[in-house]
Amino acid sequence: MARRRSPRGYLFVLPALLFYVTFAILPALHTAYLSLFDWDGITLATFVGLGNYLEVLTDPDLRAAVVHALVLVVFFSWIPIVLGMLMVGLLARHRQRGMTAFRVLYFLPQIVPLVAVGITWRWMYGEDGVVNQVLRFVGLDAVTRAWLGDFDAALIAVGLVGTWAMSGLCMMLFLSGVQKVDTNLYEAARLDGAGPVREFVTVTLPALRGEVAVAMTVTTVAALASFDIVYVTTNGGPADRTTVPGLLVYRLAFTESEVGLAAALATVLAALILVVVFAITRLSRSE
């Protein structure tokens, strides 16, 4: 006989649900509602239907911002995950002393405010910054430049800041996940003649499937919704080469008084993030 669920259980989640609905769901729905209007934030709004969404999809500047965010996904998500995998591959075969210290060092970029990270890297990317000094020291004077002011290098330079900030999170996640792997599995793999690469593919990688999905979700969302690092380092320049949707939403809403268009862009960005997260979740669960 099926056990009847007690409705009292729902009372325990009710406070959190009310908080979530009040401060997350309702503002999101209100943003979607505003996206249907042409509104400057002060005067009466004019209903334009899907006009703002049509402008988001056809305006080359808005589409370029989305492309920039997708490029940042490579630097914020893919490269940190690969670096984390390499580190785990080097450390997973044998239990190492000082793993706690490793995790603390790797996680340090995550506890530094992104504004401070952006300011620090802006100095490092300057004409006389650390990056150019190192390049001159090794004889690569021809490569030096004002990285954040270069039309071709600015987006890559901003992306590498994200790589530095997100690599610690990925490494910490993977190192924590590999601690739960039974060392007998590695010994069994070695008895079967497995080398380091085969051990990683057959033992370590399957065990880290959940951690990889979490890392990919968090870092991809950070890339698509990036604002802090871009605003502090380049503010979208030079010539909008590093403009991202998050920065455009801020500009449209608070400096250009196009609240409806900003709401439409924010809604499209949120939908894109939901689609990406859904795809990652489905792929991580599939066999």
Protein backbone atom coordinates (compact mmCIF):
# COMPACT_ATOMS: atom_id res chain seq x y z
CA MET A 1 0.00 0.00 0.00
CA ALA A 2 1.46 3.32 -1.06
CA ARG A 3 2.45 5.57 1.79
CA ARG A 4 0.58 8.85 1.80
CA ARG A 5 2.77 11.95 1.79
CA SER A 6 2.17 14.40 4.58
CA PRO A 7 1.46 17.98 3.41
CA ARG A 8 3.38 19.23 6.43
CA GLY A 9 6.61 18.59 4.50
CA TYR A 10 5.79 21.38 2.09
CA LEU A 11 5.65 23.85 4.99
CA PHE A 12 9.41 23.40 5.50
CA VAL A 13 10.18 24.57 1.96
CA LEU A 14 7.53 27.28 1.90
CA PRO A 15 9.73 30.12 3.33
CA ALA A 16 12.50 29.43 0.80
CA LEU A 17 9.93 29.11 -1.99
CA LEU A 18 8.31 32.43 -1.11
CA PHE A 19 11.72 34.11 -0.99
CA TYR A 20 12.66 32.63 -4.38
CA VAL A 21 9.38 33.56 -6.03
CA THR A 22 9.49 37.12 -4.62
CA PHE A 23 13.08 37.96 -5.49
CA ALA A 24 13.77 35.76 -8.55
CA ILE A 25 10.64 34.60 -10.40
CA LEU A 26 8.52 37.76 -10.14
CA PRO A 27 11.37 40.15 -11.17
CA ALA A 28 12.12 37.87 -14.13
CA LEU A 29 8.48 37.91 -15.21
CA HIS A 30 8.36 41.69 -14.77
CA THR A 31 11.48 42.03 -16.97
CA ALA A 32 9.82 39.90 -19.66
CA TYR A 33 6.72 42.13 -19.37
CA LEU A 34 8.79 45.32 -19.76
CA SER A 35 10.45 43.88 -22.86
CA LEU A 36 7.12 44.29 -24.70
CA PHE A 37 7.18 48.08 -24.29
CA ASP A 38 9.13 51.04 -25.57
CA TRP A 39 9.92 52.80 -22.30
CA ASP A 40 12.54 55.31 -21.19
CA GLY A 41 12.01 54.55 -17.50
CA ILE A 42 10.15 57.80 -16.75
CA THR A 43 7.33 58.61 -19.17
CA LEU A 44 4.41 56.39 -20.15
CA ALA A 45 5.41 53.19 -21.91
CA THR A 46 4.25 52.31 -25.43
CA PHE A 47 3.34 48.73 -26.27
CA VAL A 48 5.48 47.44 -29.15
CA GLY A 49 4.88 43.69 -28.86
CA LEU A 50 7.89 41.71 -30.07
CA GLY A 51 9.50 44.76 -31.66
CA ASN A 52 12.31 44.87 -29.10
CA TYR A 53 13.09 41.20 -29.68
CA LEU A 54 13.20 41.81 -33.44
CA GLU A 55 15.71 44.59 -32.85
CA VAL A 56 17.82 42.31 -30.61
CA LEU A 57 17.96 39.69 -33.36
CA THR A 58 18.66 42.11 -36.22
CA ASP A 59 20.89 44.79 -34.66
CA PRO A 60 24.52 43.92 -35.59
CA ASP A 61 25.90 45.47 -32.39
CA LEU A 62 23.62 43.37 -30.19
CA ARG A 63 24.40 40.20 -32.15
CA ALA A 64 28.14 40.96 -31.94
CA ALA A 65 27.85 41.20 -28.16
CA VAL A 66 26.31 37.72 -28.04
CA VAL A 67 29.14 36.40 -30.23
CA HIS A 68 31.70 37.95 -27.86
CA ALA A 69 30.02 36.19 -24.92
CA LEU A 70 30.20 32.86 -26.78
CA VAL A 71 33.92 33.43 -27.43
CA LEU A 72 34.41 34.07 -23.72
CA VAL A 73 32.86 30.65 -23.02
CA VAL A 74 36.03 29.11 -24.48
CA PHE A 75 38.22 31.04 -22.03
CA PHE A 76 35.94 30.95 -18.99
CA SER A 77 34.84 27.32 -19.34
CA TRP A 78 36.67 25.06 -21.81
CA ILE A 79 40.28 26.05 -21.05
CA PRO A 80 39.84 25.97 -17.22
CA ILE A 81 38.20 22.54 -17.46
CA VAL A 82 41.07 21.21 -19.60
CA LEU A 83 43.63 22.66 -17.17
CA GLY A 84 41.75 21.12 -14.26
CA MET A 85 41.71 17.76 -16.00
CA LEU A 86 45.44 17.91 -16.65
CA MET A 87 46.11 18.70 -13.01
CA VAL A 88 43.90 15.86 -11.83
CA GLY A 89 45.55 13.50 -14.31
CA LEU A 90 48.93 14.32 -12.77
CA LEU A 91 47.80 14.00 -9.15
CA ALA A 92 45.11 11.31 -9.22
CA ARG A 93 47.26 8.23 -9.64
CA HIS A 94 48.83 8.55 -6.22
CA ARG A 95 47.66 10.16 -3.02
CA GLN A 96 49.79 13.25 -2.48
CA ARG A 97 50.57 15.05 0.73
CA GLY A 98 49.45 18.64 1.01
CA MET A 99 46.30 18.28 -1.09
CA THR A 100 44.49 20.70 1.22
CA ALA A 101 47.15 23.31 0.58
CA PHE A 102 46.82 22.70 -3.17
CA ARG A 103 43.06 23.24 -3.01
CA VAL A 104 43.47 26.48 -1.04
CA LEU A 105 46.00 27.85 -3.54
CA TYR A 106 43.89 26.86 -6.53
CA PHE A 107 40.75 28.38 -5.05
CA LEU A 108 42.33 31.73 -4.16
CA PRO A 109 41.22 33.49 -7.41
CA GLN A 110 37.63 32.64 -6.53
CA ILE A 111 37.68 34.51 -3.22
CA VAL A 112 39.15 37.68 -4.75
CA PRO A 113 36.41 40.12 -5.86
CA LEU A 114 36.15 40.27 -9.65
CA VAL A 115 36.47 44.05 -9.56
CA ALA A 116 39.86 43.68 -7.84
CA VAL A 117 40.81 41.00 -10.36
CA GLY A 118 39.91 43.31 -13.24
CA ILE A 119 41.87 46.27 -11.84
CA THR A 120 44.92 44.09 -11.19
CA TRP A 121 44.93 42.63 -14.68
CA ARG A 122 44.37 46.07 -16.24
CA TRP A 123 47.65 47.16 -14.65
CA MET A 124 49.37 43.94 -15.74
CA TYR A 125 48.19 44.40 -19.35
CA GLY A 126 49.40 48.03 -19.49
CA GLU A 127 52.25 49.29 -21.69
CA ASP A 128 54.72 48.91 -18.81
CA GLY A 129 52.80 46.12 -17.09
CA VAL A 130 54.10 42.76 -15.97
CA VAL A 131 53.00 40.99 -19.16
CA ASN A 132 54.99 43.28 -21.46
CA GLN A 133 57.98 43.30 -19.08
CA VAL A 134 58.13 39.49 -19.19
CA LEU A 135 57.85 39.50 -22.99
CA ARG A 136 60.69 42.05 -23.27
CA PHE A 137 62.78 39.99 -20.84
CA VAL A 138 62.55 36.92 -23.11
CA GLY A 139 63.25 38.96 -26.24
CA LEU A 140 59.71 39.24 -27.59
CA ASP A 141 59.62 43.03 -27.79
CA ALA A 142 57.78 42.90 -31.12
CA VAL A 143 54.83 41.18 -29.44
CA THR A 144 54.35 43.77 -26.70
CA ARG A 145 51.38 46.08 -26.97
CA ALA A 146 48.63 47.72 -24.95
CA TRP A 147 46.70 44.47 -24.78
CA LEU A 148 43.35 45.84 -23.65
CA GLY A 149 43.49 48.60 -26.27
CA ASP A 150 44.38 46.34 -29.19
CA PHE A 151 41.51 45.63 -31.59
CA ASP A 152 42.54 42.02 -32.17
CA ALA A 153 43.92 41.08 -28.75
CA ALA A 154 41.51 42.80 -26.34
CA LEU A 155 38.84 40.07 -26.27
CA ILE A 156 41.47 37.33 -25.87
CA ALA A 157 43.15 39.31 -23.09
CA VAL A 158 39.84 39.66 -21.24
CA GLY A 159 39.15 35.97 -21.80
CA LEU A 160 42.48 35.00 -20.24
CA VAL A 161 41.51 36.95 -17.13
CA GLY A 162 38.45 34.72 -16.93
CA THR A 163 40.65 31.67 -17.44
CA TRP A 164 42.77 32.69 -14.47
CA ALA A 165 39.70 33.32 -12.31
CA MET A 166 37.84 30.11 -13.22
CA SER A 167 40.74 27.64 -13.34
CA GLY A 168 40.93 27.50 -9.56
CA LEU A 169 37.26 26.58 -9.26
CA CYS A 170 37.58 23.75 -11.80
CA MET A 171 40.76 22.39 -10.24
CA MET A 172 39.25 22.48 -6.75
CA LEU A 173 36.11 20.68 -7.94
CA PHE A 174 38.05 17.97 -9.77
CA LEU A 175 40.59 17.46 -6.97
CA SER A 176 37.75 17.12 -4.47
CA GLY A 177 35.96 14.66 -6.76
CA VAL A 178 39.01 12.50 -7.34
CA GLN A 179 39.42 12.02 -3.59
CA LYS A 180 36.35 9.75 -3.59
CA VAL A 181 37.81 7.38 -6.21
CA ASP A 182 38.83 4.05 -4.68
CA THR A 183 42.59 3.64 -5.11
CA ASN A 184 41.99 -0.08 -5.68
CA LEU A 185 40.53 0.85 -9.06
CA TYR A 186 43.85 2.39 -10.10
CA GLU A 187 45.74 -0.66 -8.86
CA ALA A 188 43.37 -2.97 -10.77
CA ALA A 189 43.85 -0.89 -13.91
CA ARG A 190 47.64 -1.11 -13.56
CA LEU A 191 47.44 -4.88 -13.12
CA ASP A 192 45.56 -4.97 -16.42
CA GLY A 193 48.45 -3.12 -18.03
CA ALA A 194 46.85 0.33 -18.16
CA GLY A 195 49.16 3.30 -18.53
CA PRO A 196 48.57 6.83 -17.18
CA VAL A 197 46.37 7.87 -20.11
CA ARG A 198 44.20 4.75 -19.98
CA GLU A 199 43.88 5.06 -16.19
CA PHE A 200 42.66 8.61 -16.62
CA VAL A 201 40.15 7.69 -19.34
CA THR A 202 38.78 4.52 -17.71
CA VAL A 203 38.91 5.42 -13.99
CA THR A 204 39.31 9.14 -13.32
CA LEU A 205 37.18 10.66 -16.07
CA PRO A 206 34.01 8.57 -15.43
CA ALA A 207 34.26 9.30 -11.71
CA LEU A 208 34.39 13.05 -12.37
CA ARG A 209 31.35 13.17 -14.61
CA GLY A 210 29.21 15.05 -12.08
CA GLU A 211 32.00 17.50 -11.20
CA VAL A 212 32.63 18.24 -14.88
CA ALA A 213 28.93 18.98 -15.41
CA VAL A 214 28.90 21.34 -12.42
CA ALA A 215 32.08 23.09 -13.55
CA MET A 216 30.81 23.45 -17.11
CA THR A 217 27.48 24.86 -15.93
CA VAL A 218 28.97 27.39 -13.50
CA THR A 219 31.72 28.61 -15.83
CA THR A 220 29.48 28.81 -18.91
CA VAL A 221 26.91 30.87 -17.02
CA ALA A 222 29.74 33.11 -15.75
CA ALA A 223 30.91 33.68 -19.33
CA LEU A 224 27.48 34.39 -20.81
CA ALA A 225 26.49 36.68 -17.92
CA SER A 226 29.92 38.32 -17.58
CA PHE A 227 29.90 41.99 -16.63
CA ASP A 228 32.35 42.83 -13.83
CA ILE A 229 35.62 41.92 -15.53
CA VAL A 230 34.64 43.46 -18.88
CA TYR A 231 33.34 46.67 -17.26
CA VAL A 232 36.49 47.17 -15.17
CA THR A 233 39.11 46.19 -17.75
CA THR A 234 37.82 47.59 -21.09
CA ASN A 235 34.25 48.87 -20.56
CA GLY A 236 33.46 47.21 -23.88
CA GLY A 237 36.28 48.85 -25.87
CA PRO A 238 38.15 49.29 -28.03
CA ALA A 239 35.36 50.12 -30.52
CA ASP A 240 32.98 47.64 -28.83
CA ARG A 241 35.33 44.72 -29.53
CA THR A 242 34.76 43.35 -26.01
CA THR A 243 31.14 44.38 -25.46
CA VAL A 244 29.04 41.58 -23.96
CA PRO A 245 25.26 41.33 -23.42
CA GLY A 246 25.50 42.04 -19.68
CA LEU A 247 27.31 45.32 -20.34
CA LEU A 248 24.83 46.28 -23.07
CA VAL A 249 21.87 45.66 -20.76
CA TYR A 250 23.44 48.05 -18.24
CA ARG A 251 24.11 50.73 -20.88
CA LEU A 252 20.67 50.49 -22.50
CA ALA A 253 18.79 50.59 -19.20
CA PHE A 254 20.78 53.18 -17.22
CA THR A 255 22.58 55.44 -19.70
CA GLU A 256 20.52 55.32 -22.91
CA SER A 257 17.05 55.10 -21.29
CA GLU A 258 15.95 52.18 -23.46
CA VAL A 259 14.54 50.05 -20.69
CA GLY A 260 12.31 47.95 -22.95
CA LEU A 261 15.17 47.01 -25.30
CA ALA A 262 17.41 46.27 -22.31
CA ALA A 263 14.71 44.02 -20.86
CA ALA A 264 14.37 42.19 -24.18
CA LEU A 265 18.13 41.63 -24.39
CA ALA A 266 18.17 40.43 -20.76
CA THR A 267 15.32 38.03 -21.50
CA VAL A 268 17.10 36.64 -24.57
CA LEU A 269 20.30 36.25 -22.54
CA ALA A 270 18.42 34.42 -19.76
CA ALA A 271 16.78 32.12 -22.32
CA LEU A 272 20.17 31.38 -23.89
CA ILE A 273 21.64 30.54 -20.48
CA LEU A 274 18.69 28.25 -19.67
CA VAL A 275 19.08 26.41 -22.99
CA VAL A 276 22.82 25.93 -22.42
CA VAL A 277 22.33 24.72 -18.84
CA PHE A 278 19.57 22.34 -19.96
CA ALA A 279 21.81 20.93 -22.71
CA ILE A 280 24.72 20.43 -20.30
CA THR A 281 22.43 18.71 -17.79
CA ARG A 282 21.00 16.39 -20.43
CA LEU A 283 24.42 15.51 -21.82
CA SER A 284 25.84 14.81 -18.35
CA ARG A 285 22.98 12.39 -17.60
CA SER A 286 23.06 10.55 -20.94
CA GLU A 287 24.98 7.28 -21.16
